């Protein structure tokens, strides 16, 4: 699995480096396309950072739901690195709810930040004469 991640990550870095060189050359040749190209570049970075955040939020939400359902933290079947004290009852349920609130906050941030950046770029483009 690690090898697959390394190969895919290396391919993405290689592609992105080549794409940025082309991007820079195109903007240097025609500066009027800067806002359009900036939106495209922002879209690439939004995908690169938003998708993993949303996936992480989904995993945290799922774990929090398992904690709430089992009324136990960590929930049954969870692998731990070292001996971990097991919390049960209301305290475990609170931890599960906190995990779900954190997951929701990460998801909202992962969606709100790119939307705000897109709006900022569009407003800068509208202000350009």
Protein backbone atom coordinates (compact mmCIF):
# COMPACT_ATOMS: atom_id res chain seq x y z
CA UNK A 1 0.00 0.00 0.00
CA UNK A 2 2.81 2.39 0.90
CA UNK A 3 4.49 1.69 -2.43
CA UNK A 4 1.28 2.58 -4.30
CA UNK A 5 0.96 5.85 -2.36
CA UNK A 6 4.61 6.70 -3.09
CA UNK A 7 4.25 5.97 -6.81
CA UNK A 8 0.99 7.90 -7.17
CA UNK A 9 2.32 10.79 -5.07
CA UNK A 10 5.51 10.92 -7.13
CA UNK A 11 3.52 10.92 -10.36
CA UNK A 12 1.32 13.75 -9.09
CA UNK A 13 4.35 15.83 -8.07
CA UNK A 14 6.02 15.20 -11.44
CA UNK A 15 2.83 16.15 -13.34
CA UNK A 16 2.22 19.23 -11.17
CA UNK A 17 5.77 20.47 -11.69
CA UNK A 18 5.44 20.21 -15.48
CA UNK A 19 1.99 21.80 -15.37
CA UNK A 20 3.23 24.75 -13.30
CA UNK A 21 6.00 25.44 -15.82
CA UNK A 22 3.42 25.52 -18.63
CA UNK A 23 1.12 27.67 -16.47
CA UNK A 24 3.88 30.21 -15.84
CA UNK A 25 4.79 30.38 -19.53
CA UNK A 26 1.16 30.86 -20.61
CA UNK A 27 0.56 33.65 -18.07
CA UNK A 28 3.81 35.35 -19.05
CA UNK A 29 2.75 35.24 -22.71
CA UNK A 30 -0.79 36.54 -22.04
CA UNK A 31 -1.18 38.36 -18.67
CA UNK A 32 -4.90 38.94 -19.33
CA UNK A 33 -5.54 35.25 -18.58
CA UNK A 34 -4.12 35.53 -15.06
CA UNK A 35 -7.46 35.42 -13.21
CA UNK A 36 -8.77 32.52 -15.31
CA UNK A 37 -5.53 30.59 -14.83
CA UNK A 38 -5.45 31.44 -11.11
CA UNK A 39 -8.95 29.95 -10.73
CA UNK A 40 -7.76 26.80 -12.48
CA UNK A 41 -4.67 26.58 -10.28
CA UNK A 42 -6.77 27.14 -7.17
CA UNK A 43 -9.13 24.39 -8.30
CA UNK A 44 -6.24 21.93 -8.54
CA UNK A 45 -5.01 22.82 -5.06
CA UNK A 46 -8.54 22.72 -3.64
CA UNK A 47 -8.94 19.16 -4.87
CA UNK A 48 -5.52 18.21 -3.55
CA UNK A 49 -6.29 19.46 -0.04
CA UNK A 50 -10.08 19.29 0.32
CA UNK A 51 -10.62 15.66 -0.67
CA UNK A 52 -8.24 14.25 1.97
CA UNK A 53 -9.76 16.53 4.62
CA UNK A 54 -13.26 15.36 3.76
CA UNK A 55 -12.15 11.72 3.81
CA UNK A 56 -10.49 12.26 7.19
CA UNK A 57 -13.62 13.94 8.54
CA UNK A 58 -15.70 10.98 7.34
CA UNK A 59 -13.37 8.54 9.12
CA UNK A 60 -13.47 10.55 12.35
CA UNK A 61 -17.28 10.81 12.13
CA UNK A 62 -17.54 7.06 11.62
CA UNK A 63 -15.24 6.37 14.58
CA UNK A 64 -17.24 8.76 16.78
CA UNK A 65 -20.45 7.02 15.74
CA UNK A 66 -18.96 3.64 16.69
CA UNK A 67 -17.98 5.06 20.09
CA UNK A 68 -21.49 6.42 20.71
CA UNK A 69 -23.14 3.17 19.61
CA UNK A 70 -20.88 0.97 21.75
CA UNK A 71 -20.87 3.39 24.72
CA UNK A 72 -17.20 2.50 24.98
CA UNK A 73 -13.95 4.28 24.06
CA UNK A 74 -12.10 2.86 22.25
CA UNK A 75 -14.90 0.84 20.65
CA UNK A 76 -14.63 -2.95 20.49
CA UNK A 77 -12.29 -4.23 17.78
CA UNK A 78 -10.21 -1.06 17.66
CA UNK A 79 -6.48 -1.72 17.45
CA UNK A 80 -4.40 0.32 19.85
CA UNK A 81 -0.65 0.87 19.94
CA UNK A 82 -0.24 0.53 23.72
CA UNK A 83 -2.37 -0.37 26.71
CA UNK A 84 -5.23 2.07 26.73
CA UNK A 85 -7.67 2.61 29.55
CA UNK A 86 -11.21 1.80 28.42
CA UNK A 87 -13.81 4.48 29.11
CA UNK A 88 -17.46 3.44 29.13
CA UNK A 89 -20.89 4.90 29.66
CA UNK A 90 -21.64 8.61 29.51
CA UNK A 91 -17.96 9.60 29.38
CA UNK A 92 -17.43 7.43 26.29
CA UNK A 93 -20.58 8.81 24.67
CA UNK A 94 -19.31 12.37 25.27
CA UNK A 95 -16.00 11.48 23.61
CA UNK A 96 -17.86 10.06 20.63
CA UNK A 97 -19.95 13.21 20.33
CA UNK A 98 -16.84 15.40 20.56
CA UNK A 99 -15.28 13.35 17.77
CA UNK A 100 -18.36 13.90 15.59
CA UNK A 101 -18.37 17.65 16.32
CA UNK A 102 -14.68 17.82 15.37
CA UNK A 103 -15.37 15.86 12.18
CA UNK A 104 -18.20 18.24 11.26
CA UNK A 105 -15.95 21.25 11.92
CA UNK A 106 -13.21 19.82 9.69
CA UNK A 107 -15.75 19.12 6.92
CA UNK A 108 -17.25 22.63 7.14
CA UNK A 109 -13.78 24.18 7.05
CA UNK A 110 -12.74 21.97 4.14
CA UNK A 111 -15.71 23.27 2.16
CA UNK A 112 -15.81 26.90 3.38
CA UNK A 113 -12.15 27.79 2.80
CA UNK A 114 -12.09 26.88 -0.92
CA UNK A 115 -15.42 28.63 -1.52
CA UNK A 116 -14.06 31.76 0.16
CA UNK A 117 -10.86 31.61 -1.90
CA UNK A 118 -12.80 31.21 -5.15
CA UNK A 119 -14.95 34.21 -4.21
CA UNK A 120 -11.83 36.23 -3.40
CA UNK A 121 -10.21 35.43 -6.74
CA UNK A 122 -13.42 36.30 -8.61
CA UNK A 123 -13.69 39.61 -6.76
CA UNK A 124 -10.05 40.40 -7.57
CA UNK A 125 -10.74 39.57 -11.21
CA UNK A 126 -13.77 41.87 -11.24
CA UNK A 127 -11.71 44.68 -9.73
CA UNK A 128 -9.03 44.37 -12.42
CA UNK A 129 -9.56 46.96 -15.17
